[in-house]
C-alpha atoms as a PDB file:
ATOM      1  CA  MET A   1      14.783 -13.858  -4.403  1.00  0.00           C
ATOM      2  CA  VAL A   2      13.267 -13.438  -7.853  1.00  0.00           C
ATOM      3  CA  ASN A   3      15.468 -11.495 -10.249  1.00  0.00           C
ATOM      4  CA  ILE A   4      13.084  -9.735 -12.637  1.00  0.00           C
ATOM      5  CA  GLU A   5      13.931  -6.213 -13.675  1.00  0.00           C
ATOM      6  CA  THR A   6      11.230  -3.565 -13.540  1.00  0.00           C
ATOM      7  CA  PHE A   7      10.701  -0.029 -14.756  1.00  0.00           C
ATOM      8  CA  PRO A   8       8.430   2.822 -13.635  1.00  0.00           C
ATOM      9  CA  ASN A   9       4.869   2.675 -14.918  1.00  0.00           C
ATOM     10  CA  PRO A  10       4.666   5.422 -17.572  1.00  0.00           C
ATOM     11  CA  ASN A  11       0.966   6.016 -16.768  1.00  0.00           C
ATOM     12  CA  PRO A  12       0.418   5.223 -13.074  1.00  0.00           C
ATOM     13  CA  ASN A  13      -2.775   7.301 -12.905  1.00  0.00           C
ATOM     14  CA  ARG A  14      -4.545   5.167 -15.521  1.00  0.00           C
ATOM     15  CA  ASP A  15      -5.636   1.551 -15.181  1.00  0.00           C
ATOM     16  CA  TYR A  16      -4.592  -0.421 -18.246  1.00  0.00           C
ATOM     17  CA  GLU A  17      -3.967  -4.105 -18.813  1.00  0.00           C
ATOM     18  CA  ILE A  18      -0.690  -5.702 -19.857  1.00  0.00           C
ATOM     19  CA  VAL A  19      -0.725  -9.252 -21.222  1.00  0.00           C
ATOM     20  CA  HIS A  20       2.422 -11.363 -21.649  1.00  0.00           C
ATOM     21  CA  VAL A  21       2.155 -14.811 -23.255  1.00  0.00           C
ATOM     22  CA  ASN A  22       4.831 -17.487 -23.194  1.00  0.00           C
ATOM     23  CA  PRO A  23       3.599 -20.160 -25.664  1.00  0.00           C
ATOM     24  CA  GLU A  24       6.676 -22.378 -25.164  1.00  0.00           C
ATOM     25  CA  PHE A  25       6.898 -22.885 -21.397  1.00  0.00           C
ATOM     26  CA  THR A  26       8.573 -26.113 -20.305  1.00  0.00           C
ATOM     27  CA  SER A  27       9.072 -27.896 -17.011  1.00  0.00           C
ATOM     28  CA  VAL A  28       9.376 -31.508 -15.875  1.00  0.00           C
ATOM     29  CA  CYS A  29       6.807 -33.828 -14.291  1.00  0.00           C
ATOM     30  CA  PRO A  30       8.071 -34.543 -10.759  1.00  0.00           C
ATOM     31  CA  ILE A  31       6.742 -38.112 -10.895  1.00  0.00           C
ATOM     32  CA  THR A  32       7.699 -39.367 -14.356  1.00  0.00           C
ATOM     33  CA  GLY A  33      10.576 -37.020 -15.162  1.00  0.00           C
ATOM     34  CA  LEU A  34       9.017 -36.412 -18.581  1.00  0.00           C
ATOM     35  CA  PRO A  35       8.872 -32.893 -20.008  1.00  0.00           C
ATOM     36  CA  ASP A  36       5.686 -30.849 -19.673  1.00  0.00           C
ATOM     37  CA  PHE A  37       4.839 -28.269 -22.315  1.00  0.00           C
ATOM     38  CA  GLY A  38       2.475 -25.409 -21.748  1.00  0.00           C
ATOM     39  CA  LYS A  39       1.457 -21.848 -22.403  1.00  0.00           C
ATOM     40  CA  ILE A  40       1.670 -19.286 -19.596  1.00  0.00           C
ATOM     41  CA  THR A  41      -0.440 -16.139 -19.876  1.00  0.00           C
ATOM     42  CA  ILE A  42       0.096 -13.257 -17.460  1.00  0.00           C
ATOM     43  CA  ARG A  43      -2.483 -10.466 -17.318  1.00  0.00           C
ATOM     44  CA  TYR A  44      -1.922  -7.571 -14.979  1.00  0.00           C
ATOM     45  CA  ILE A  45      -2.841  -3.993 -14.203  1.00  0.00           C
ATOM     46  CA  PRO A  46       0.348  -2.270 -13.054  1.00  0.00           C
ATOM     47  CA  ASP A  47       0.492   0.045 -10.091  1.00  0.00           C
ATOM     48  CA  GLU A  48       3.791   1.914  -9.789  1.00  0.00           C
ATOM     49  CA  ILE A  49       6.057  -0.435 -11.773  1.00  0.00           C
ATOM     50  CA  CYS A  50       6.023  -2.782 -14.775  1.00  0.00           C
ATOM     51  CA  MET A  51       8.021  -5.939 -15.529  1.00  0.00           C
ATOM     52  CA  GLU A  52      10.767  -5.951 -18.141  1.00  0.00           C
ATOM     53  CA  LEU A  53      10.250  -8.700 -20.763  1.00  0.00           C
ATOM     54  CA  LYS A  54      13.791 -10.001 -21.219  1.00  0.00           C
ATOM     55  CA  ALA A  55      14.111 -10.649 -17.488  1.00  0.00           C
ATOM     56  CA  LEU A  56      10.709 -12.367 -17.497  1.00  0.00           C
ATOM     57  CA  LYS A  57      11.866 -14.692 -20.298  1.00  0.00           C
ATOM     58  CA  TYR A  58      14.934 -15.685 -18.277  1.00  0.00           C
ATOM     59  CA  TYR A  59      12.759 -16.240 -15.206  1.00  0.00           C
ATOM     60  CA  PHE A  60      10.644 -18.729 -17.197  1.00  0.00           C
ATOM     61  CA  LEU A  61      13.783 -20.573 -18.353  1.00  0.00           C
ATOM     62  CA  ASP A  62      14.572 -21.388 -14.718  1.00  0.00           C
ATOM     63  CA  TYR A  63      11.657 -23.856 -14.769  1.00  0.00           C
ATOM     64  CA  ARG A  64      12.938 -25.789 -17.779  1.00  0.00           C
ATOM     65  CA  ASN A  65      14.483 -28.649 -15.770  1.00  0.00           C
ATOM     66  CA  GLN A  66      12.481 -28.280 -12.573  1.00  0.00           C
ATOM     67  CA  GLY A  67      10.281 -31.140 -11.399  1.00  0.00           C
ATOM     68  CA  ILE A  68       7.095 -29.341 -10.371  1.00  0.00           C
ATOM     69  CA  PHE A  69       3.331 -29.887 -10.615  1.00  0.00           C
ATOM     70  CA  TYR A  70       1.143 -27.634 -12.802  1.00  0.00           C
ATOM     71  CA  GLU A  71      -0.720 -26.216  -9.817  1.00  0.00           C
ATOM     72  CA  GLU A  72       2.472 -25.341  -7.968  1.00  0.00           C
ATOM     73  CA  ILE A  73       4.050 -23.683 -11.021  1.00  0.00           C
ATOM     74  CA  THR A  74       1.024 -21.490 -11.646  1.00  0.00           C
ATOM     75  CA  ASN A  75       0.719 -20.339  -8.035  1.00  0.00           C
ATOM     76  CA  LYS A  76       4.482 -19.847  -7.654  1.00  0.00           C
ATOM     77  CA  ILE A  77       4.663 -17.680 -10.763  1.00  0.00           C
ATOM     78  CA  LEU A  78       1.816 -15.543  -9.424  1.00  0.00           C
ATOM     79  CA  ASP A  79       3.464 -15.186  -6.002  1.00  0.00           C
ATOM     80  CA  ASP A  80       6.865 -14.375  -7.509  1.00  0.00           C
ATOM     81  CA  LEU A  81       5.564 -11.774  -9.949  1.00  0.00           C
ATOM     82  CA  VAL A  82       3.313 -10.080  -7.394  1.00  0.00           C
ATOM     83  CA  SER A  83       6.327  -9.786  -5.066  1.00  0.00           C
ATOM     84  CA  VAL A  84       8.341  -8.146  -7.866  1.00  0.00           C
ATOM     85  CA  CYS A  85       5.886  -5.545  -9.172  1.00  0.00           C
ATOM     86  CA  SER A  86       3.033  -5.274  -6.655  1.00  0.00           C
ATOM     87  CA  PRO A  87       0.328  -4.850  -9.313  1.00  0.00           C
ATOM     88  CA  LYS A  88      -3.225  -3.678  -8.766  1.00  0.00           C
ATOM     89  CA  PHE A  89      -4.401  -6.966 -10.313  1.00  0.00           C
ATOM     90  CA  MET A  90      -2.688 -10.024 -11.759  1.00  0.00           C
ATOM     91  CA  GLU A  91      -3.866 -13.304 -13.250  1.00  0.00           C
ATOM     92  CA  VAL A  92      -1.631 -16.214 -14.224  1.00  0.00           C
ATOM     93  CA  ARG A  93      -3.086 -18.925 -16.449  1.00  0.00           C
ATOM     94  CA  SER A  94      -1.242 -22.086 -17.421  1.00  0.00           C
ATOM     95  CA  GLU A  95      -2.534 -24.288 -20.249  1.00  0.00           C
ATOM     96  CA  TRP A  96      -0.868 -27.662 -20.650  1.00  0.00           C
ATOM     97  CA  THR A  97      -0.604 -29.857 -23.728  1.00  0.00           C
ATOM     98  CA  PRO A  98      -2.539 -33.117 -23.449  1.00  0.00           C
ATOM     99  CA  ARG A  99      -0.933 -36.063 -21.711  1.00  0.00           C
ATOM    100  CA  GLY A 100      -2.803 -39.345 -21.483  1.00  0.00           C
ATOM    101  CA  GLY A 101      -5.847 -37.713 -23.067  1.00  0.00           C
ATOM    102  CA  MET A 102      -6.108 -34.968 -20.405  1.00  0.00           C
ATOM    103  CA  HIS A 103      -5.687 -31.229 -21.012  1.00  0.00           C
ATOM    104  CA  SER A 104      -5.218 -29.107 -17.877  1.00  0.00           C
ATOM    105  CA  ILE A 105      -5.769 -25.371 -17.379  1.00  0.00           C
ATOM    106  CA  ILE A 106      -4.857 -23.706 -14.068  1.00  0.00           C
ATOM    107  CA  THR A 107      -5.807 -20.087 -13.293  1.00  0.00           C
ATOM    108  CA  CYS A 108      -4.979 -18.065 -10.187  1.00  0.00           C
ATOM    109  CA  ASN A 109      -5.222 -14.369  -9.471  1.00  0.00           C
ATOM    110  CA  TYR A 110      -4.311 -11.572  -7.117  1.00  0.00           C
ATOM    111  CA  ASN A 111      -6.210  -8.367  -6.407  1.00  0.00           C
ATOM    112  CA  LYS A 112      -4.405  -5.730  -4.355  1.00  0.00           C
ATOM    113  CA  GLU A 113      -7.656  -4.402  -2.885  1.00  0.00           C
ATOM    114  CA  GLN A 114      -8.730  -7.877  -1.735  1.00  0.00           C
ATOM    115  CA  ASN A 115      -5.320  -9.320  -0.841  1.00  0.00           C
ATOM    116  CA  GLY A 116      -3.772  -6.132   0.565  1.00  0.00           C
END
């Protein structure tokens, strides 16, 4: 169970976008054990509830020593956050610092109307 606090959307009758950026996200490569450094950007249109930032910061810290691939992290974050706040729309984008000359960007999204 994901432990992210929420609060009631102060304007549930209006669509507006919230963007949270974590420029110092860290995890560990499951193959090499070396640290991975990235930026996670969350864009969402809230429905009835919004996410509280302090709890979101602590949620990100849980990945610090986890061996997990970029693709899995990005999709897991999306799944976890959608389960917490059930937004109208959410996009999670992870941008990873170069390793071996490669720079990776992973983007996944959820749309309540399409995904029900």
